[in-house]
Amino acid sequence: MTGTDTAVLREMRWWDIDSVLELERDLFPEDAWSRGMFWSELAHARGPGATRCYVVAQEGDRIVGYAGLTISGAESEGGEAGDGDSVQAADVQTIAVTRDHWGTGLGSRLLTELLRAATAFECAEVLLECRVDNVRAQKLYERFGFEIIGVRRGYYQPGNVDALVMRLTDPSTSVNPASPVDGNGVQGTETNG
């Protein structure tokens, strides 16, 4: 079996970018990220000021999936600017799995790891955008408790495809209903280094 049994999740590093780009261009030909975008994200994924978490799923020598999350602070409701009362929010930037691993649970494992990172960053909520025509991804997010809160018209370019904006409140309570994850987590990841 592939995906859930044999793929190892680990921190994405700069030497993974070429393999990730190949997968990115295959899965998202119209709106694939550039090499520079991945470099920029990884530049903020390590050290005491880290605001990103990027992981890859590796099976043997092959990258079969990847996912990334960014963290930002937002003023809490009722708080005034500068009062120090801010909450962290996370935004899922990307999740991708090779076609031959669709339906294996690998996407769930990657999302679970991003939610663990959001919890470690003490995020109160997780947001994401999902193409309106990507029903497979929508179902995955809904299983984890994400709810649609809006639509961004023409968000994905150049195809002018709308995006659903989805939100999960309190990622620490979200449980993968399909398959519980063991306590090992991702190899080589820490929010602070």
N, C-alpha and C. Protein backbone atom coordinates (compact mmCIF):
# COMPACT_ATOMS: atom_id res chain seq x y z
N MET A 1 0.85 -1.19 0.00
CA MET A 1 0.00 0.00 0.00
C MET A 1 0.89 1.24 0.00
N THR A 2 0.37 2.33 -0.55
CA THR A 2 1.10 3.58 -0.57
C THR A 2 0.38 4.61 0.28
N GLY A 3 1.02 5.74 0.47
CA GLY A 3 0.39 6.88 1.14
C GLY A 3 0.42 6.80 2.64
N THR A 4 -0.54 6.11 3.24
CA THR A 4 -0.63 6.13 4.69
C THR A 4 0.42 5.25 5.34
N ASP A 5 0.79 4.16 4.69
CA ASP A 5 1.70 3.21 5.34
C ASP A 5 3.17 3.50 5.11
N THR A 6 3.53 3.95 3.92
CA THR A 6 4.95 4.00 3.59
C THR A 6 5.54 5.41 3.48
N ALA A 7 4.73 6.43 3.33
CA ALA A 7 5.25 7.79 3.20
C ALA A 7 5.63 8.33 4.58
N VAL A 8 6.80 8.93 4.64
CA VAL A 8 7.31 9.54 5.87
C VAL A 8 7.14 11.05 5.77
N LEU A 9 6.51 11.65 6.77
CA LEU A 9 6.38 13.10 6.81
C LEU A 9 7.62 13.68 7.49
N ARG A 10 8.14 14.73 6.88
CA ARG A 10 9.30 15.42 7.45
C ARG A 10 9.27 16.89 7.04
N GLU A 11 10.06 17.68 7.72
CA GLU A 11 10.16 19.10 7.41
C GLU A 11 10.64 19.30 5.97
N MET A 12 10.00 20.22 5.25
CA MET A 12 10.47 20.58 3.92
C MET A 12 11.72 21.44 4.05
N ARG A 13 12.71 21.12 3.24
CA ARG A 13 13.96 21.90 3.23
C ARG A 13 14.23 22.39 1.82
N TRP A 14 15.22 23.26 1.66
CA TRP A 14 15.48 23.87 0.36
C TRP A 14 15.79 22.84 -0.72
N TRP A 15 16.42 21.73 -0.34
CA TRP A 15 16.77 20.73 -1.35
C TRP A 15 15.56 19.96 -1.87
N ASP A 16 14.40 20.17 -1.26
CA ASP A 16 13.16 19.53 -1.73
C ASP A 16 12.45 20.37 -2.79
N ILE A 17 12.86 21.60 -2.97
CA ILE A 17 12.10 22.53 -3.83
C ILE A 17 11.96 22.01 -5.26
N ASP A 18 13.01 21.46 -5.86
CA ASP A 18 12.89 20.98 -7.24
C ASP A 18 11.83 19.89 -7.37
N SER A 19 11.82 18.94 -6.45
CA SER A 19 10.82 17.87 -6.49
C SER A 19 9.42 18.41 -6.23
N VAL A 20 9.30 19.34 -5.29
CA VAL A 20 8.01 19.94 -4.98
C VAL A 20 7.51 20.74 -6.18
N LEU A 21 8.40 21.46 -6.84
CA LEU A 21 8.01 22.23 -8.03
C LEU A 21 7.49 21.32 -9.14
N GLU A 22 8.12 20.19 -9.33
CA GLU A 22 7.67 19.24 -10.35
C GLU A 22 6.24 18.78 -10.05
N LEU A 23 5.98 18.46 -8.81
CA LEU A 23 4.64 18.04 -8.40
C LEU A 23 3.66 19.20 -8.50
N GLU A 24 4.08 20.36 -8.09
CA GLU A 24 3.25 21.57 -8.14
C GLU A 24 2.79 21.86 -9.57
N ARG A 25 3.72 21.79 -10.52
CA ARG A 25 3.40 22.08 -11.93
C ARG A 25 2.49 21.01 -12.53
N ASP A 26 2.64 19.77 -12.06
CA ASP A 26 1.78 18.70 -12.54
C ASP A 26 0.35 18.87 -12.03
N LEU A 27 0.20 19.19 -10.76
CA LEU A 27 -1.13 19.26 -10.15
C LEU A 27 -1.83 20.60 -10.35
N PHE A 28 -1.07 21.68 -10.47
CA PHE A 28 -1.65 23.02 -10.58
C PHE A 28 -1.05 23.76 -11.77
N PRO A 29 -1.23 23.25 -12.99
CA PRO A 29 -0.53 23.82 -14.14
C PRO A 29 -0.86 25.28 -14.42
N GLU A 30 -2.07 25.73 -14.11
CA GLU A 30 -2.44 27.11 -14.41
C GLU A 30 -1.95 28.11 -13.37
N ASP A 31 -1.84 27.67 -12.13
CA ASP A 31 -1.49 28.63 -11.08
C ASP A 31 -0.41 28.07 -10.14
N ALA A 32 0.54 27.36 -10.71
CA ALA A 32 1.63 26.78 -9.91
C ALA A 32 2.48 27.86 -9.27
N TRP A 33 2.93 27.57 -8.06
CA TRP A 33 3.86 28.47 -7.38
C TRP A 33 5.20 28.45 -8.10
N SER A 34 5.95 29.52 -7.91
CA SER A 34 7.30 29.62 -8.48
C SER A 34 8.34 29.14 -7.46
N ARG A 35 9.53 28.92 -7.95
CA ARG A 35 10.65 28.56 -7.07
C ARG A 35 10.84 29.63 -5.99
N GLY A 36 10.76 30.89 -6.39
CA GLY A 36 10.94 31.99 -5.44
C GLY A 36 9.90 32.00 -4.34
N MET A 37 8.68 31.62 -4.67
CA MET A 37 7.63 31.58 -3.65
C MET A 37 7.95 30.53 -2.59
N PHE A 38 8.41 29.36 -3.02
CA PHE A 38 8.78 28.33 -2.04
C PHE A 38 9.98 28.76 -1.22
N TRP A 39 10.99 29.36 -1.86
CA TRP A 39 12.16 29.84 -1.13
C TRP A 39 11.73 30.85 -0.06
N SER A 40 10.85 31.77 -0.45
CA SER A 40 10.39 32.79 0.49
C SER A 40 9.67 32.17 1.68
N GLU A 41 8.82 31.19 1.42
CA GLU A 41 8.11 30.54 2.51
C GLU A 41 9.08 29.82 3.45
N LEU A 42 10.02 29.07 2.88
CA LEU A 42 10.96 28.32 3.72
C LEU A 42 11.89 29.23 4.51
N ALA A 43 12.11 30.44 4.01
CA ALA A 43 12.97 31.40 4.73
C ALA A 43 12.35 31.79 6.08
N HIS A 44 11.05 31.59 6.23
CA HIS A 44 10.36 31.95 7.46
C HIS A 44 9.91 30.73 8.26
N ALA A 45 10.50 29.57 7.96
CA ALA A 45 10.04 28.33 8.60
C ALA A 45 10.94 27.82 9.71
N ARG A 46 12.02 28.51 9.99
CA ARG A 46 12.93 28.02 11.04
C ARG A 46 13.36 29.17 11.94
N GLY A 47 13.81 28.81 13.11
CA GLY A 47 14.34 29.80 14.05
C GLY A 47 13.28 30.32 14.99
N PRO A 48 13.70 31.17 15.94
CA PRO A 48 12.79 31.65 16.98
C PRO A 48 11.64 32.49 16.44
N GLY A 49 11.80 33.13 15.30
CA GLY A 49 10.73 33.95 14.74
C GLY A 49 9.94 33.24 13.65
N ALA A 50 9.99 31.93 13.62
CA ALA A 50 9.33 31.17 12.56
C ALA A 50 7.83 31.47 12.51
N THR A 51 7.33 31.67 11.29
CA THR A 51 5.91 31.91 11.08
C THR A 51 5.33 30.98 10.01
N ARG A 52 6.07 29.96 9.65
CA ARG A 52 5.64 29.00 8.63
C ARG A 52 5.94 27.58 9.09
N CYS A 53 5.16 26.65 8.56
CA CYS A 53 5.42 25.22 8.73
C CYS A 53 5.19 24.56 7.38
N TYR A 54 6.23 23.97 6.82
CA TYR A 54 6.12 23.26 5.54
C TYR A 54 6.66 21.85 5.73
N VAL A 55 5.89 20.88 5.25
CA VAL A 55 6.28 19.48 5.36
C VAL A 55 6.17 18.81 4.00
N VAL A 56 6.95 17.75 3.84
CA VAL A 56 6.84 16.90 2.65
C VAL A 56 6.53 15.48 3.10
N ALA A 57 5.90 14.73 2.20
CA ALA A 57 5.69 13.30 2.40
C ALA A 57 6.63 12.61 1.42
N GLN A 58 7.53 11.80 1.97
CA GLN A 58 8.54 11.15 1.14
C GLN A 58 8.34 9.64 1.20
N GLU A 59 8.36 9.03 0.04
CA GLU A 59 8.25 7.58 -0.08
C GLU A 59 9.48 7.11 -0.84
N GLY A 60 10.38 6.46 -0.16
CA GLY A 60 11.67 6.14 -0.77
C GLY A 60 12.41 7.43 -1.09
N ASP A 61 12.81 7.58 -2.35
CA ASP A 61 13.49 8.81 -2.78
C ASP A 61 12.55 9.82 -3.41
N ARG A 62 11.26 9.56 -3.37
CA ARG A 62 10.28 10.37 -4.10
C ARG A 62 9.41 11.19 -3.15
N ILE A 63 9.25 12.48 -3.48
CA ILE A 63 8.32 13.34 -2.76
C ILE A 63 6.93 13.06 -3.34
N VAL A 64 5.99 12.61 -2.49
CA VAL A 64 4.66 12.25 -2.95
C VAL A 64 3.58 13.19 -2.41
N GLY A 65 3.99 14.20 -1.67
CA GLY A 65 3.06 15.19 -1.16
C GLY A 65 3.77 16.27 -0.39
N TYR A 66 3.10 17.37 -0.20
CA TYR A 66 3.66 18.47 0.60
C TYR A 66 2.51 19.34 1.08
N ALA A 67 2.80 20.13 2.10
CA ALA A 67 1.78 21.02 2.66
C ALA A 67 2.48 22.17 3.39
N GLY A 68 1.79 23.30 3.47
CA GLY A 68 2.37 24.45 4.15
C GLY A 68 1.32 25.31 4.81
N LEU A 69 1.77 25.99 5.87
CA LEU A 69 0.92 26.80 6.73
C LEU A 69 1.68 28.06 7.10
N THR A 70 0.98 29.18 7.17
CA THR A 70 1.58 30.42 7.65
C THR A 70 0.79 30.92 8.85
N ILE A 71 1.47 31.62 9.73
CA ILE A 71 0.89 32.12 10.97
C ILE A 71 0.91 33.64 10.96
N SER A 72 -0.16 34.24 11.46
CA SER A 72 -0.17 35.70 11.62
C SER A 72 -0.94 36.04 12.88
N GLY A 73 -0.65 37.19 13.42
CA GLY A 73 -1.36 37.67 14.61
C GLY A 73 -2.48 38.58 14.18
N ALA A 74 -3.55 38.61 14.93
CA ALA A 74 -4.68 39.49 14.66
C ALA A 74 -5.19 40.02 15.99
N GLU A 75 -5.64 41.25 15.99
CA GLU A 75 -6.21 41.82 17.20
C GLU A 75 -7.46 41.04 17.58
N SER A 76 -7.58 40.72 18.86
CA SER A 76 -8.76 40.00 19.31
C SER A 76 -9.97 40.93 19.32
N GLU A 77 -11.17 40.33 19.24
CA GLU A 77 -12.38 41.14 19.27
C GLU A 77 -12.45 41.89 20.59
N GLY A 78 -12.80 43.15 20.50
CA GLY A 78 -12.94 43.96 21.70
C GLY A 78 -11.61 44.56 22.16
N GLY A 79 -10.51 44.06 21.61
CA GLY A 79 -9.21 44.60 21.99
C GLY A 79 -8.89 45.84 21.18
N GLU A 80 -8.08 46.70 21.75
CA GLU A 80 -7.67 47.89 21.03
C GLU A 80 -6.26 47.70 20.54
N ALA A 81 -5.94 48.32 19.41
CA ALA A 81 -4.61 48.20 18.84
C ALA A 81 -3.57 48.61 19.86
N GLY A 82 -2.57 47.80 19.99
CA GLY A 82 -1.48 48.13 20.88
C GLY A 82 -1.66 47.64 22.31
N ASP A 83 -2.81 47.05 22.64
CA ASP A 83 -2.99 46.62 24.02
C ASP A 83 -2.35 45.26 24.29
N GLY A 84 -1.70 44.67 23.27
CA GLY A 84 -0.99 43.41 23.47
C GLY A 84 -1.90 42.21 23.47
N ASP A 85 -3.20 42.42 23.23
CA ASP A 85 -4.17 41.33 23.27
C ASP A 85 -4.43 40.84 21.85
N SER A 86 -3.52 40.05 21.31
CA SER A 86 -3.70 39.54 19.96
C SER A 86 -3.79 38.03 19.98
N VAL A 87 -4.42 37.49 18.95
CA VAL A 87 -4.55 36.05 18.81
C VAL A 87 -3.85 35.63 17.52
N GLN A 88 -3.36 34.43 17.52
CA GLN A 88 -2.72 33.90 16.33
C GLN A 88 -3.77 33.24 15.44
N ALA A 89 -3.59 33.41 14.14
CA ALA A 89 -4.41 32.72 13.16
C ALA A 89 -3.47 32.04 12.17
N ALA A 90 -3.89 30.91 11.66
CA ALA A 90 -3.09 30.18 10.67
C ALA A 90 -3.83 30.17 9.35
N ASP A 91 -3.08 30.09 8.27
CA ASP A 91 -3.65 30.02 6.93
C ASP A 91 -2.96 28.88 6.19
N VAL A 92 -3.74 27.88 5.80
CA VAL A 92 -3.19 26.78 5.00
C VAL A 92 -2.87 27.35 3.63
N GLN A 93 -1.61 27.30 3.26
CA GLN A 93 -1.16 27.84 1.98
C GLN A 93 -1.29 26.83 0.85
N THR A 94 -1.01 25.56 1.16
CA THR A 94 -1.02 24.54 0.11
C THR A 94 -1.05 23.15 0.72
N ILE A 95 -1.73 22.25 0.04
CA ILE A 95 -1.66 20.82 0.31
C ILE A 95 -1.73 20.14 -1.05
N ALA A 96 -0.80 19.24 -1.30
CA ALA A 96 -0.78 18.54 -2.59
C ALA A 96 -0.30 17.11 -2.39
N VAL A 97 -0.91 16.21 -3.14
CA VAL A 97 -0.58 14.79 -3.08
C VAL A 97 -0.55 14.26 -4.51
N THR A 98 0.44 13.45 -4.85
CA THR A 98 0.51 12.87 -6.19
C THR A 98 -0.77 12.10 -6.49
N ARG A 99 -1.14 12.07 -7.75
CA ARG A 99 -2.38 11.40 -8.14
C ARG A 99 -2.42 9.94 -7.72
N ASP A 100 -1.26 9.27 -7.78
CA ASP A 100 -1.25 7.85 -7.41
C ASP A 100 -1.39 7.63 -5.91
N HIS A 101 -1.43 8.71 -5.13
CA HIS A 101 -1.65 8.62 -3.69
C HIS A 101 -3.00 9.19 -3.26
N TRP A 102 -3.82 9.62 -4.24
CA TRP A 102 -5.16 10.10 -3.91
C TRP A 102 -5.95 8.94 -3.31
N GLY A 103 -6.69 9.23 -2.28
CA GLY A 103 -7.54 8.22 -1.66
C GLY A 103 -6.83 7.31 -0.67
N THR A 104 -5.55 7.59 -0.39
CA THR A 104 -4.79 6.74 0.54
C THR A 104 -4.78 7.28 1.96
N GLY A 105 -5.27 8.50 2.17
CA GLY A 105 -5.22 9.11 3.50
C GLY A 105 -4.03 10.03 3.69
N LEU A 106 -3.19 10.17 2.67
CA LEU A 106 -2.01 11.02 2.80
C LEU A 106 -2.40 12.49 2.96
N GLY A 107 -3.42 12.94 2.25
CA GLY A 107 -3.87 14.33 2.42
C GLY A 107 -4.32 14.59 3.85
N SER A 108 -5.01 13.62 4.44
CA SER A 108 -5.44 13.75 5.84
C SER A 108 -4.24 13.83 6.78
N ARG A 109 -3.22 13.03 6.51
CA ARG A 109 -2.02 13.08 7.36
C ARG A 109 -1.34 14.43 7.25
N LEU A 110 -1.25 14.97 6.04
CA LEU A 110 -0.62 16.28 5.86
C LEU A 110 -1.43 17.37 6.56
N LEU A 111 -2.75 17.34 6.41
CA LEU A 111 -3.59 18.34 7.07
C LEU A 111 -3.50 18.20 8.59
N THR A 112 -3.48 16.98 9.08
CA THR A 112 -3.33 16.75 10.52
C THR A 112 -2.03 17.39 11.03
N GLU A 113 -0.97 17.26 10.27
CA GLU A 113 0.30 17.84 10.69
C GLU A 113 0.23 19.37 10.69
N LEU A 114 -0.44 19.96 9.71
CA LEU A 114 -0.60 21.41 9.71
C LEU A 114 -1.42 21.88 10.91
N LEU A 115 -2.44 21.11 11.27
CA LEU A 115 -3.25 21.48 12.43
C LEU A 115 -2.47 21.33 13.72
N ARG A 116 -1.59 20.34 13.78
CA ARG A 116 -0.69 20.22 14.95
C ARG A 116 0.21 21.45 15.05
N ALA A 117 0.73 21.90 13.90
CA ALA A 117 1.59 23.09 13.90
C ALA A 117 0.80 24.31 14.34
N ALA A 118 -0.43 24.45 13.83
CA ALA A 118 -1.27 25.59 14.23
C ALA A 118 -1.51 25.57 15.74
N THR A 119 -1.72 24.38 16.29
CA THR A 119 -1.91 24.24 17.73
C THR A 119 -0.64 24.62 18.48
N ALA A 120 0.51 24.17 17.98
CA ALA A 120 1.79 24.51 18.62
C ALA A 120 2.05 26.02 18.58
N PHE A 121 1.60 26.67 17.52
CA PHE A 121 1.73 28.13 17.40
C PHE A 121 0.63 28.86 18.19
N GLU A 122 -0.24 28.09 18.87
CA GLU A 122 -1.33 28.62 19.68
C GLU A 122 -2.32 29.45 18.85
N CYS A 123 -2.66 28.93 17.68
CA CYS A 123 -3.62 29.61 16.80
C CYS A 123 -5.05 29.32 17.25
N ALA A 124 -5.86 30.35 17.24
CA ALA A 124 -7.26 30.21 17.62
C ALA A 124 -8.11 29.72 16.45
N GLU A 125 -7.64 29.92 15.23
CA GLU A 125 -8.39 29.48 14.06
C GLU A 125 -7.44 29.22 12.90
N VAL A 126 -7.94 28.43 11.94
CA VAL A 126 -7.20 28.14 10.72
C VAL A 126 -8.10 28.47 9.55
N LEU A 127 -7.56 29.20 8.60
CA LEU A 127 -8.29 29.58 7.40
C LEU A 127 -7.64 28.94 6.18
N LEU A 128 -8.40 28.85 5.10
CA LEU A 128 -7.83 28.38 3.83
C LEU A 128 -8.75 28.79 2.70
N GLU A 129 -8.20 28.78 1.49
CA GLU A 129 -8.97 28.95 0.28
C GLU A 129 -8.93 27.64 -0.48
N CYS A 130 -10.06 27.30 -1.08
CA CYS A 130 -10.17 26.05 -1.84
C CYS A 130 -10.94 26.35 -3.13
N ARG A 131 -10.41 25.87 -4.24
CA ARG A 131 -11.11 26.07 -5.52
C ARG A 131 -12.53 25.51 -5.43
N VAL A 132 -13.50 26.24 -5.98
CA VAL A 132 -14.88 25.77 -5.96
C VAL A 132 -15.05 24.47 -6.73
N ASP A 133 -14.16 24.20 -7.67
CA ASP A 133 -14.26 22.97 -8.47
C ASP A 133 -13.44 21.81 -7.90
N ASN A 134 -12.83 21.99 -6.73
CA ASN A 134 -12.04 20.93 -6.11
C ASN A 134 -12.85 20.28 -4.99
N VAL A 135 -13.80 19.46 -5.39
CA VAL A 135 -14.72 18.82 -4.45
C VAL A 135 -13.98 17.87 -3.52
N ARG A 136 -12.97 17.18 -4.03
CA ARG A 136 -12.18 16.24 -3.21
C ARG A 136 -11.58 16.97 -2.01
N ALA A 137 -10.97 18.12 -2.24
CA ALA A 137 -10.36 18.88 -1.14
C ALA A 137 -11.43 19.42 -0.19
N GLN A 138 -12.55 19.90 -0.73
CA GLN A 138 -13.62 20.41 0.12
C GLN A 138 -14.10 19.35 1.09
N LYS A 139 -14.27 18.13 0.61
CA LYS A 139 -14.73 17.05 1.48
C LYS A 139 -13.70 16.75 2.58
N LEU A 140 -12.42 16.79 2.22
CA LEU A 140 -11.36 16.58 3.22
C LEU A 140 -11.48 17.64 4.32
N TYR A 141 -11.54 18.90 3.93
CA TYR A 141 -11.60 19.98 4.91
C TYR A 141 -12.86 19.89 5.77
N GLU A 142 -13.97 19.55 5.17
CA GLU A 142 -15.21 19.43 5.93
C GLU A 142 -15.12 18.30 6.96
N ARG A 143 -14.45 17.20 6.63
CA ARG A 143 -14.28 16.11 7.60
C ARG A 143 -13.51 16.58 8.83
N PHE A 144 -12.65 17.55 8.66
CA PHE A 144 -11.87 18.08 9.77
C PHE A 144 -12.59 19.20 10.51
N GLY A 145 -13.77 19.58 10.05
CA GLY A 145 -14.55 20.59 10.74
C GLY A 145 -14.48 21.99 10.14
N PHE A 146 -13.82 22.15 8.99
CA PHE A 146 -13.80 23.46 8.33
C PHE A 146 -15.19 23.78 7.81
N GLU A 147 -15.55 25.07 7.91
CA GLU A 147 -16.83 25.54 7.42
C GLU A 147 -16.61 26.65 6.41
N ILE A 148 -17.46 26.72 5.41
CA ILE A 148 -17.38 27.78 4.40
C ILE A 148 -17.87 29.09 5.02
N ILE A 149 -17.04 30.13 4.89
CA ILE A 149 -17.43 31.43 5.45
C ILE A 149 -17.50 32.52 4.38
N GLY A 150 -17.13 32.18 3.14
CA GLY A 150 -17.20 33.18 2.09
C GLY A 150 -16.68 32.65 0.77
N VAL A 151 -16.73 33.52 -0.23
CA VAL A 151 -16.25 33.20 -1.57
C VAL A 151 -15.38 34.35 -2.06
N ARG A 152 -14.25 34.02 -2.65
CA ARG A 152 -13.40 35.03 -3.30
C ARG A 152 -13.53 34.83 -4.80
N ARG A 153 -14.19 35.77 -5.43
CA ARG A 153 -14.45 35.69 -6.86
C ARG A 153 -13.15 35.85 -7.66
N GLY A 154 -12.93 34.94 -8.63
CA GLY A 154 -11.78 35.03 -9.51
C GLY A 154 -10.44 34.91 -8.82
N TYR A 155 -10.40 34.26 -7.66
CA TYR A 155 -9.19 34.18 -6.84
C TYR A 155 -8.05 33.45 -7.56
N TYR A 156 -8.37 32.35 -8.22
CA TYR A 156 -7.34 31.56 -8.90
C TYR A 156 -7.20 32.04 -10.33
N GLN A 157 -6.02 32.55 -10.64
CA GLN A 157 -5.73 33.08 -11.97
C GLN A 157 -4.62 32.26 -12.62
N PRO A 158 -4.57 32.13 -13.92
CA PRO A 158 -5.34 32.91 -14.90
C PRO A 158 -6.71 32.32 -15.22
N GLY A 159 -7.12 31.24 -14.61
CA GLY A 159 -8.39 30.60 -14.96
C GLY A 159 -9.63 31.30 -14.45
N ASN A 160 -9.46 32.34 -13.61
CA ASN A 160 -10.57 33.10 -13.06
C ASN A 160 -11.55 32.21 -12.29
N VAL A 161 -11.01 31.28 -11.49
CA VAL A 161 -11.83 30.34 -10.72
C VAL A 161 -12.04 30.90 -9.32
N ASP A 162 -13.26 30.81 -8.85
CA ASP A 162 -13.59 31.29 -7.50
C ASP A 162 -12.99 30.38 -6.44
N ALA A 163 -12.77 30.95 -5.26
CA ALA A 163 -12.28 30.19 -4.11
C ALA A 163 -13.29 30.25 -2.99
N LEU A 164 -13.50 29.11 -2.35
CA LEU A 164 -14.27 29.08 -1.11
C LEU A 164 -13.31 29.43 0.01
N VAL A 165 -13.72 30.31 0.90
CA VAL A 165 -12.94 30.61 2.09
C VAL A 165 -13.52 29.75 3.20
N MET A 166 -12.65 28.96 3.83
CA MET A 166 -13.10 28.03 4.87
C MET A 166 -12.36 28.31 6.16
N ARG A 167 -13.03 28.05 7.28
CA ARG A 167 -12.42 28.33 8.59
C ARG A 167 -12.68 27.16 9.54
N LEU A 168 -11.66 26.88 10.33
CA LEU A 168 -11.76 25.92 11.43
C LEU A 168 -11.44 26.67 12.71
N THR A 169 -12.37 26.68 13.64
CA THR A 169 -12.09 27.31 14.92
C THR A 169 -11.53 26.26 15.87
N ASP A 170 -10.55 26.64 16.63
CA ASP A 170 -9.85 25.80 17.60
C ASP A 170 -9.30 24.51 16.98
N PRO A 171 -8.20 24.64 16.24
CA PRO A 171 -7.62 23.46 15.58
C PRO A 171 -7.17 22.37 16.54
N SER A 172 -6.98 22.71 17.81
CA SER A 172 -6.53 21.70 18.77
C SER A 172 -7.59 20.63 19.02
N THR A 173 -8.86 20.94 18.72
CA THR A 173 -9.92 19.96 18.96
C THR A 173 -10.31 19.18 17.71
N SER A 174 -9.74 19.56 16.56
CA SER A 174 -10.07 18.85 15.33
C SER A 174 -9.39 17.49 15.32
N VAL A 175 -10.17 16.48 15.04
CA VAL A 175 -9.65 15.12 15.01
C VAL A 175 -9.89 14.55 13.63
N ASN A 176 -8.90 13.86 13.10
CA ASN A 176 -9.06 13.20 11.82
C ASN A 176 -10.00 12.01 12.02
N PRO A 177 -11.20 12.08 11.45
CA PRO A 177 -12.15 11.00 11.69
C PRO A 177 -11.79 9.71 10.98
N ALA A 178 -10.99 9.80 9.92
CA ALA A 178 -10.71 8.61 9.12
C ALA A 178 -9.64 7.72 9.74
N SER A 179 -8.59 8.33 10.25
CA SER A 179 -7.51 7.50 10.80
C SER A 179 -6.72 8.29 11.83
N PRO A 180 -6.70 7.83 13.06
CA PRO A 180 -5.92 8.53 14.07
C PRO A 180 -4.43 8.48 13.73
N VAL A 181 -3.73 9.53 14.11
CA VAL A 181 -2.31 9.62 13.83
C VAL A 181 -1.53 9.25 15.08
N ASP A 182 -0.44 8.55 14.88
CA ASP A 182 0.39 8.19 16.04
C ASP A 182 1.06 9.44 16.59
N GLY A 183 1.70 9.32 17.71
CA GLY A 183 2.30 10.47 18.37
C GLY A 183 3.65 10.89 17.83
N ASN A 184 4.12 10.29 16.74
CA ASN A 184 5.46 10.59 16.26
C ASN A 184 5.56 11.92 15.55
N GLY A 185 4.54 12.33 14.82
CA GLY A 185 4.58 13.62 14.12
C GLY A 185 5.57 13.63 12.99
N VAL A 186 5.96 14.83 12.61
CA VAL A 186 6.86 15.03 11.49
C VAL A 186 8.30 15.06 11.97
N GLN A 187 9.15 14.40 11.23
CA GLN A 187 10.56 14.37 11.58
C GLN A 187 11.20 15.72 11.27
N GLY A 188 11.93 16.26 12.23
CA GLY A 188 12.74 17.46 12.01
C GLY A 188 11.99 18.76 12.05
N THR A 189 10.79 18.80 12.60
CA THR A 189 10.07 20.07 12.66
C THR A 189 9.94 20.54 14.09
N GLU A 190 10.12 21.81 14.25
CA GLU A 190 9.88 22.48 15.52
C GLU A 190 9.43 23.88 15.17
N THR A 191 8.55 24.45 15.94
CA THR A 191 8.09 25.80 15.63
C THR A 191 9.18 26.82 15.91
N ASN A 192 10.12 26.48 16.73
CA ASN A 192 11.17 27.45 17.07
C ASN A 192 12.56 27.03 16.62
N GLY A 193 12.66 26.16 15.67
CA GLY A 193 14.01 25.87 15.20
C GLY A 193 14.17 24.56 14.68
